[in-house]
Amino acid sequence: MIDLTNLEEIKKLDPKNVYGSTEMFADQCRQIWDDAKKVTYPPEYRNVKNIVFCGMGGSSYAGRIMPNLFKDELSVPIYTNDDYHLPAYVDKSSLVLLGSYSGTTEEVLSAGKEALERGAKITAVTTGSAIADFLKVNSLPGLVFTPQFNPSTQPRLGTGYNVLGAIAVLNQIGLVHISDEAIKKAIGILQSGKEQIKEQAMEFAKKIFGNIPVIFAAEFLKGNAYILRNQTNETAKSFSAFSELPDLNHHLMEGLKNPADKKLIVLFLTSNLYSDILKKRIALTSEVVEKNNIPVLEYEAQGEEKISQMLNVLSFGGYLVLYLAFLYGQDPSLIPWVDFFKEKLAKA
């Protein structure tokens, strides 16, 4: 088994420096938050009846985070659109936020063109290319950034840009309210606690290795469970699943019995900010899982505020799947089956 503390061994499996991008997560967050302050939005962008976030793959992560993180604050519904076409209700009273790190995502560009036809308010978070051109040609405001802290150049490794960028846009518009102090404090906690996060991620990766991780989360960390599932698939080349409390208490527990030779391990994403009833549910759910002879791990989010804890879990998850990839002897940058599929689809 590879020594996860031996950087020379790691480099052999990581020619595109995914490790470097993972190390720079806090830097990505700082850059994108500062970049977003330079963008101004028309006052009417604040007067919307709904928000539709359009994104695919790693660029969709913000859409999974925001509805849960801002559930108690947003006064309008937010929907994540991972398709070529927009919901029928999108009109001039809608805000459509296009998320595409590469700026070339065809589904997102298609949705943007539909939004333009319907007179919706449009913005984007992107590094450039076709979506940046779309903004420019149509005189639309958007956050177009240069990814200074993603040496791997992989869009899915720009998690700080993808997630905090969209949040920063909503903050600039005035649909959510996060202070600079809160973000600076959260980033400071990420930096000061990085070595501890890495140590925990190594420990968890060794325990998960050889098993199928199933991630359980609740309330404002539900989006993190979705992201960690996807990252485990793409980066570690390992199957994974996720489920949400309290809903899983009404069905999933009965599915833990069979088959007898299952190789599952359950990872709870927990928080001291969860409601008391959810804390009780997690404790009881953990007991049920263990009674079904399935190992249980628990990662408790660090930080004093929800935004800080969400970013902390994103950082932890990034390291976890990276170390898991190394344990499996995988180059974390490669996505051969996704590339194969895209190539065949383009020809079709």
Protein backbone atom coordinates (compact mmCIF):
# COMPACT_ATOMS: atom_id res chain seq x y z
CA MET A 1 0.00 0.00 0.00
CA ILE A 2 1.28 3.46 -0.90
CA ASP A 3 2.62 5.71 1.85
CA LEU A 4 0.24 8.68 1.72
CA THR A 5 2.83 10.91 3.40
CA ASN A 6 5.48 10.21 0.75
CA LEU A 7 5.13 13.02 -1.79
CA GLU A 8 7.60 11.40 -4.19
CA GLU A 9 5.43 8.28 -4.40
CA ILE A 10 2.34 10.42 -4.82
CA LYS A 11 3.88 12.39 -7.70
CA LYS A 12 4.27 9.16 -9.69
CA LEU A 13 0.49 8.68 -9.61
CA ASP A 14 -0.33 12.38 -9.96
CA PRO A 15 1.42 13.83 -13.04
CA LYS A 16 -1.15 16.63 -13.42
CA ASN A 17 -0.79 17.77 -9.81
CA VAL A 18 -4.30 17.14 -8.52
CA TYR A 19 -2.70 17.19 -5.07
CA GLY A 20 -1.57 20.77 -5.71
CA SER A 21 -5.08 21.87 -6.70
CA THR A 22 -6.52 20.21 -3.59
CA GLU A 23 -3.96 22.03 -1.44
CA MET A 24 -5.05 25.37 -2.92
CA PHE A 25 -8.75 25.08 -2.08
CA ALA A 26 -8.61 27.96 0.43
CA ASP A 27 -6.71 30.11 -2.09
CA GLN A 28 -9.41 29.44 -4.68
CA CYS A 29 -12.04 30.59 -2.19
CA ARG A 30 -10.17 33.78 -1.37
CA GLN A 31 -9.56 34.67 -5.01
CA ILE A 32 -13.11 34.10 -6.22
CA TRP A 33 -14.63 36.02 -3.30
CA ASP A 34 -12.41 39.01 -4.06
CA ASP A 35 -13.00 38.76 -7.82
CA ALA A 36 -16.77 38.77 -7.31
CA LYS A 37 -16.61 42.16 -5.58
CA LYS A 38 -15.50 43.72 -8.88
CA VAL A 39 -18.77 42.78 -10.61
CA THR A 40 -21.83 45.04 -10.33
CA TYR A 41 -25.39 43.99 -11.07
CA PRO A 42 -28.43 46.05 -12.08
CA PRO A 43 -30.84 46.66 -9.15
CA GLU A 44 -33.55 44.66 -10.93
CA TYR A 45 -31.48 41.49 -10.55
CA ARG A 46 -32.51 41.49 -6.91
CA ASN A 47 -36.22 41.55 -7.72
CA VAL A 48 -36.77 37.99 -8.90
CA LYS A 49 -39.35 35.33 -8.14
CA ASN A 50 -37.06 32.34 -8.61
CA ILE A 51 -33.42 31.39 -9.20
CA VAL A 52 -32.33 28.69 -11.63
CA PHE A 53 -28.74 27.53 -11.38
CA CYS A 54 -27.46 25.74 -14.50
CA GLY A 55 -24.41 23.49 -14.20
CA MET A 56 -23.02 20.07 -15.00
CA GLY A 57 -20.46 17.87 -13.27
CA GLY A 58 -18.14 19.78 -10.93
CA SER A 59 -19.64 23.05 -12.10
CA SER A 60 -22.99 21.97 -10.69
CA TYR A 61 -21.73 21.69 -7.11
CA ALA A 62 -22.92 25.16 -6.07
CA GLY A 63 -26.42 24.25 -7.17
CA ARG A 64 -26.37 21.32 -4.74
CA ILE A 65 -25.03 23.42 -1.87
CA MET A 66 -27.05 26.65 -2.08
CA PRO A 67 -30.66 25.40 -1.66
CA ASN A 68 -29.71 23.68 1.61
CA LEU A 69 -27.21 26.21 2.93
CA PHE A 70 -29.57 29.16 2.39
CA LYS A 71 -32.86 27.41 3.07
CA ASP A 72 -33.58 29.66 6.05
CA GLU A 73 -32.58 32.86 4.25
CA LEU A 74 -33.60 32.79 0.59
CA SER A 75 -37.06 34.26 0.09
CA VAL A 76 -37.38 32.78 -3.43
CA PRO A 77 -37.00 29.17 -4.58
CA ILE A 78 -33.75 28.00 -6.15
CA TYR A 79 -33.64 25.13 -8.62
CA THR A 80 -30.65 23.26 -10.05
CA ASN A 81 -31.02 22.67 -13.77
CA ASP A 82 -28.74 19.92 -15.13
CA ASP A 83 -30.25 19.68 -18.60
CA TYR A 84 -30.29 21.44 -21.98
CA HIS A 85 -33.69 23.02 -21.35
CA LEU A 86 -35.07 25.28 -18.63
CA PRO A 87 -38.23 24.72 -16.57
CA ALA A 88 -41.37 26.14 -18.14
CA TYR A 89 -41.77 28.77 -15.39
CA VAL A 90 -38.55 30.61 -16.27
CA ASP A 91 -39.42 34.10 -17.54
CA LYS A 92 -38.44 37.76 -17.11
CA SER A 93 -38.92 37.45 -13.34
CA SER A 94 -36.29 34.67 -13.10
CA LEU A 95 -32.57 34.86 -12.39
CA VAL A 96 -30.63 32.27 -14.39
CA LEU A 97 -27.10 31.67 -13.12
CA LEU A 98 -24.87 29.78 -15.56
CA GLY A 99 -22.09 27.78 -13.92
CA SER A 100 -19.39 26.49 -16.25
CA TYR A 101 -15.75 26.45 -15.22
CA SER A 102 -14.60 25.71 -18.77
CA GLY A 103 -17.11 28.06 -20.38
CA THR A 104 -17.87 25.45 -23.03
CA THR A 105 -20.50 23.26 -21.35
CA GLU A 106 -23.07 22.70 -24.09
CA GLU A 107 -26.01 22.03 -21.77
CA VAL A 108 -25.35 25.25 -19.84
CA LEU A 109 -24.92 27.33 -23.00
CA SER A 110 -28.16 25.91 -24.39
CA ALA A 111 -30.01 26.85 -21.19
CA GLY A 112 -28.48 30.34 -21.35
CA LYS A 113 -29.79 30.90 -24.86
CA GLU A 114 -33.27 29.80 -23.78
CA ALA A 115 -33.08 32.19 -20.82
CA LEU A 116 -32.20 35.04 -23.18
CA GLU A 117 -35.17 34.25 -25.41
CA ARG A 118 -37.50 34.35 -22.40
CA GLY A 119 -36.16 37.65 -21.14
CA ALA A 120 -34.73 36.24 -17.91
CA LYS A 121 -32.05 38.01 -15.89
CA ILE A 122 -28.80 36.19 -16.66
CA THR A 123 -25.35 35.97 -15.14
CA ALA A 124 -22.55 33.40 -15.02
CA VAL A 125 -19.48 32.08 -13.23
CA THR A 126 -16.88 30.96 -15.77
CA THR A 127 -13.25 31.17 -16.83
CA GLY A 128 -14.17 32.37 -20.30
CA SER A 129 -14.70 30.84 -23.76
CA ALA A 130 -18.20 30.54 -25.26
CA ILE A 131 -20.13 31.53 -22.14
CA ALA A 132 -17.96 34.60 -21.55
CA ASP A 133 -18.56 35.56 -25.19
CA PHE A 134 -22.30 35.01 -24.65
CA LEU A 135 -22.22 37.46 -21.73
CA LYS A 136 -20.23 40.04 -23.68
CA VAL A 137 -22.30 39.93 -26.87
CA ASN A 138 -25.51 40.34 -24.89
CA SER A 139 -24.14 42.94 -22.41
CA LEU A 140 -24.77 40.69 -19.42
CA PRO A 141 -22.94 40.94 -16.08
CA GLY A 142 -20.91 37.93 -15.02
CA LEU A 143 -18.02 36.66 -12.94
CA VAL A 144 -15.30 35.73 -15.44
CA PHE A 145 -12.17 34.70 -13.56
CA THR A 146 -8.64 33.47 -14.19
CA PRO A 147 -8.01 30.27 -12.15
CA GLN A 148 -4.68 31.11 -10.53
CA PHE A 149 -4.88 28.27 -8.01
CA ASN A 150 -5.74 25.14 -9.98
CA PRO A 151 -2.46 23.77 -11.37
CA SER A 152 -4.12 20.53 -12.49
CA THR A 153 -6.34 22.61 -14.85
CA GLN A 154 -9.15 20.13 -14.16
CA PRO A 155 -12.52 21.95 -13.85
CA ARG A 156 -13.72 19.58 -11.13
CA LEU A 157 -10.64 20.47 -9.06
CA GLY A 158 -11.71 24.11 -9.01
CA THR A 159 -14.22 23.37 -6.24
CA GLY A 160 -13.54 26.62 -4.38
CA TYR A 161 -14.14 28.60 -7.55
CA ASN A 162 -17.24 26.65 -8.54
CA VAL A 163 -18.99 26.69 -5.17
CA LEU A 164 -18.02 29.97 -3.55
CA GLY A 165 -18.17 31.77 -6.91
CA ALA A 166 -21.90 31.18 -7.29
CA ILE A 167 -22.50 32.03 -3.64
CA ALA A 168 -20.52 35.24 -4.08
CA VAL A 169 -22.69 36.21 -7.08
CA LEU A 170 -25.89 35.84 -5.06
CA ASN A 171 -24.24 37.83 -2.28
CA GLN A 172 -23.25 40.63 -4.65
CA ILE A 173 -26.77 40.80 -6.06
CA GLY A 174 -28.17 40.93 -2.52
CA LEU A 175 -30.20 37.72 -2.53
CA VAL A 176 -28.13 36.28 0.33
CA HIS A 177 -26.07 38.10 2.92
CA ILE A 178 -22.60 36.95 3.93
CA SER A 179 -20.08 39.33 5.44
CA ASP A 180 -16.46 39.61 4.35
CA GLU A 181 -15.55 38.90 7.96
CA ALA A 182 -17.37 35.56 7.89
CA ILE A 183 -15.62 34.48 4.69
CA LYS A 184 -12.18 35.62 5.86
CA LYS A 185 -12.71 33.76 9.13
CA ALA A 186 -13.82 30.60 7.30
CA ILE A 187 -10.79 30.72 4.99
CA GLY A 188 -8.53 31.31 7.98
CA ILE A 189 -9.93 28.21 9.68
CA LEU A 190 -9.33 26.21 6.50
CA GLN A 191 -5.69 27.28 6.40
CA SER A 192 -4.92 26.86 10.08
CA GLY A 193 -6.66 23.48 10.19
CA LYS A 194 -5.33 22.10 6.89
CA GLU A 195 -2.87 19.62 8.40
CA GLN A 196 -5.54 18.26 10.74
CA ILE A 197 -7.96 17.92 7.83
CA LYS A 198 -5.34 16.03 5.83
CA GLU A 199 -4.56 13.69 8.74
CA GLN A 200 -8.24 12.89 9.22
CA ALA A 201 -8.73 12.38 5.48
CA MET A 202 -5.81 9.92 5.38
CA GLU A 203 -7.23 8.00 8.33
CA PHE A 204 -10.69 7.83 6.80
CA ALA A 205 -9.36 6.85 3.36
CA LYS A 206 -7.51 3.86 4.83
CA LYS A 207 -10.70 2.70 6.55
CA ILE A 208 -12.87 3.21 3.45
CA PHE A 209 -10.36 1.52 1.10
CA GLY A 210 -11.81 -1.74 -0.26
CA ASN A 211 -15.37 -0.80 0.71
CA ILE A 212 -18.27 1.06 -0.89
CA PRO A 213 -18.77 4.35 0.97
CA VAL A 214 -22.33 5.50 1.58
CA ILE A 215 -22.51 9.10 2.75
CA PHE A 216 -25.25 10.27 5.12
CA ALA A 217 -25.87 13.96 5.79
CA ALA A 218 -28.64 16.33 6.86
CA GLU A 219 -29.82 19.92 6.69
CA PHE A 220 -27.23 22.37 5.34
CA LEU A 221 -24.65 19.63 4.58
CA LYS A 222 -26.88 17.65 2.21
CA GLY A 223 -25.17 19.21 -0.79
CA ASN A 224 -21.79 18.15 0.57
CA ALA A 225 -22.93 14.52 0.56
CA TYR A 226 -23.89 14.79 -3.11
CA ILE A 227 -20.53 16.34 -3.98
CA LEU A 228 -18.53 13.77 -2.01
CA ARG A 229 -20.36 10.96 -3.81
CA ASN A 230 -19.47 12.47 -7.19
CA GLN A 231 -15.86 13.12 -6.20
CA THR A 232 -15.47 9.53 -5.03
CA ASN A 233 -16.69 8.36 -8.42
CA GLU A 234 -14.53 10.67 -10.52
CA THR A 235 -11.36 11.08 -8.50
CA ALA A 236 -11.05 7.77 -6.62
CA LYS A 237 -12.63 5.70 -9.43
CA SER A 238 -14.76 4.04 -6.76
CA PHE A 239 -18.48 3.44 -6.53
CA SER A 240 -20.26 5.44 -3.86
CA ALA A 241 -23.75 6.53 -2.84
CA PHE A 242 -25.36 9.14 -0.60
CA SER A 243 -28.63 9.56 1.24
CA GLU A 244 -30.24 12.30 3.30
CA LEU A 245 -31.65 12.39 6.80
CA PRO A 246 -34.41 12.32 7.86
CA ASP A 247 -35.79 10.76 4.66
CA LEU A 248 -33.48 7.73 4.77
CA ASN A 249 -35.00 6.79 8.14
CA HIS A 250 -38.22 5.96 6.32
CA HIS A 251 -36.77 3.42 3.88
CA LEU A 252 -33.01 2.92 3.59
CA MET A 253 -32.44 1.21 6.93
CA GLU A 254 -34.50 -1.79 5.79
CA GLY A 255 -32.16 -2.15 2.84
CA LEU A 256 -29.07 -2.70 4.96
CA LYS A 257 -29.71 -6.41 5.48
CA ASN A 258 -29.06 -7.88 2.04
CA PRO A 259 -27.01 -9.06 0.30
CA ALA A 260 -25.08 -10.70 3.10
CA ASP A 261 -21.69 -10.13 1.46
CA LYS A 262 -22.12 -6.38 0.99
CA LYS A 263 -18.97 -4.34 1.51
CA LEU A 264 -20.49 -1.08 2.68
CA ILE A 265 -19.12 1.52 5.04
CA VAL A 266 -21.27 4.47 6.15
CA LEU A 267 -19.77 7.93 6.53
CA PHE A 268 -21.85 10.43 8.52
CA LEU A 269 -21.24 14.13 7.89
CA THR A 270 -22.24 15.63 11.24
CA SER A 271 -22.42 19.12 12.72
CA ASN A 272 -22.91 20.76 16.07
CA LEU A 273 -25.19 23.19 14.20
CA TYR A 274 -27.70 20.49 13.25
CA SER A 275 -31.05 20.73 15.00
CA ASP A 276 -31.44 18.65 18.15
CA ILE A 277 -33.90 16.25 16.54
CA LEU A 278 -31.46 15.55 13.69
CA LYS A 279 -28.66 14.88 16.17
CA LYS A 280 -30.89 12.29 17.85
CA ARG A 281 -31.76 10.75 14.48
CA ILE A 282 -28.08 10.45 13.56
CA ALA A 283 -27.25 8.67 16.80
CA LEU A 284 -30.12 6.20 16.34
CA THR A 285 -29.35 5.71 12.65
CA SER A 286 -25.72 4.94 13.48
CA GLU A 287 -26.93 2.30 15.97
CA VAL A 288 -29.12 0.68 13.30
CA VAL A 289 -26.27 0.63 10.79
CA GLU A 290 -23.90 -1.02 13.25
CA LYS A 291 -26.53 -3.62 14.19
CA ASN A 292 -26.48 -4.58 10.51
CA ASN A 293 -22.72 -5.23 10.80
CA ILE A 294 -21.77 -2.23 8.68
CA PRO A 295 -18.84 -0.08 9.87
CA VAL A 296 -19.59 3.56 10.70
CA LEU A 297 -17.37 6.62 10.35
CA GLU A 298 -18.25 10.15 11.46
CA TYR A 299 -16.71 13.39 10.27
CA GLU A 300 -17.79 16.42 12.29
CA ALA A 301 -17.65 19.69 10.37
CA GLN A 302 -15.41 22.36 11.88
CA GLY A 303 -16.24 26.06 12.17
CA GLU A 304 -18.65 28.34 13.98
CA GLU A 305 -20.98 29.18 11.09
CA LYS A 306 -22.72 27.10 8.44
CA ILE A 307 -20.71 28.61 5.56
CA SER A 308 -17.48 27.76 7.39
CA GLN A 309 -18.54 24.20 8.11
CA MET A 310 -19.67 23.66 4.53
CA LEU A 311 -16.26 24.78 3.22
CA ASN A 312 -14.50 22.65 5.82
CA VAL A 313 -16.33 19.53 4.64
CA LEU A 314 -15.54 20.40 1.01
CA SER A 315 -11.85 20.57 1.89
CA PHE A 316 -11.96 17.32 3.84
CA GLY A 317 -13.80 15.57 1.02
CA GLY A 318 -11.29 16.75 -1.55
CA TYR A 319 -8.41 15.21 0.38
CA LEU A 320 -10.37 12.07 1.23
CA VAL A 321 -11.09 11.09 -2.37
CA LEU A 322 -7.57 12.05 -3.45
CA TYR A 323 -5.99 9.76 -0.86
CA LEU A 324 -8.47 7.03 -1.76
CA ALA A 325 -7.41 7.32 -5.41
CA PHE A 326 -3.77 6.89 -4.41
CA LEU A 327 -4.60 3.84 -2.29
CA TYR A 328 -6.25 2.28 -5.35
CA GLY A 329 -3.19 3.15 -7.43
CA GLN A 330 -5.17 5.52 -9.63
CA ASP A 331 -4.19 8.72 -11.42
CA PRO A 332 -6.87 11.06 -9.95
CA SER A 333 -6.86 13.33 -13.00
CA LEU A 334 -8.01 10.72 -15.51
CA ILE A 335 -11.68 10.14 -16.36
CA PRO A 336 -11.39 7.59 -19.20
CA TRP A 337 -15.02 6.47 -19.29
CA VAL A 338 -16.39 10.01 -19.20
CA ASP A 339 -14.00 10.93 -22.02
CA PHE A 340 -15.00 7.82 -23.97
CA PHE A 341 -18.67 8.67 -23.58
CA LYS A 342 -18.22 12.30 -24.66
CA GLU A 343 -16.23 11.26 -27.72
CA LYS A 344 -18.86 8.73 -28.81
CA LEU A 345 -21.68 11.18 -28.15
CA ALA A 346 -19.98 13.87 -30.23
CA LYS A 347 -19.70 11.47 -33.16
CA ALA A 348 -23.33 10.46 -32.79
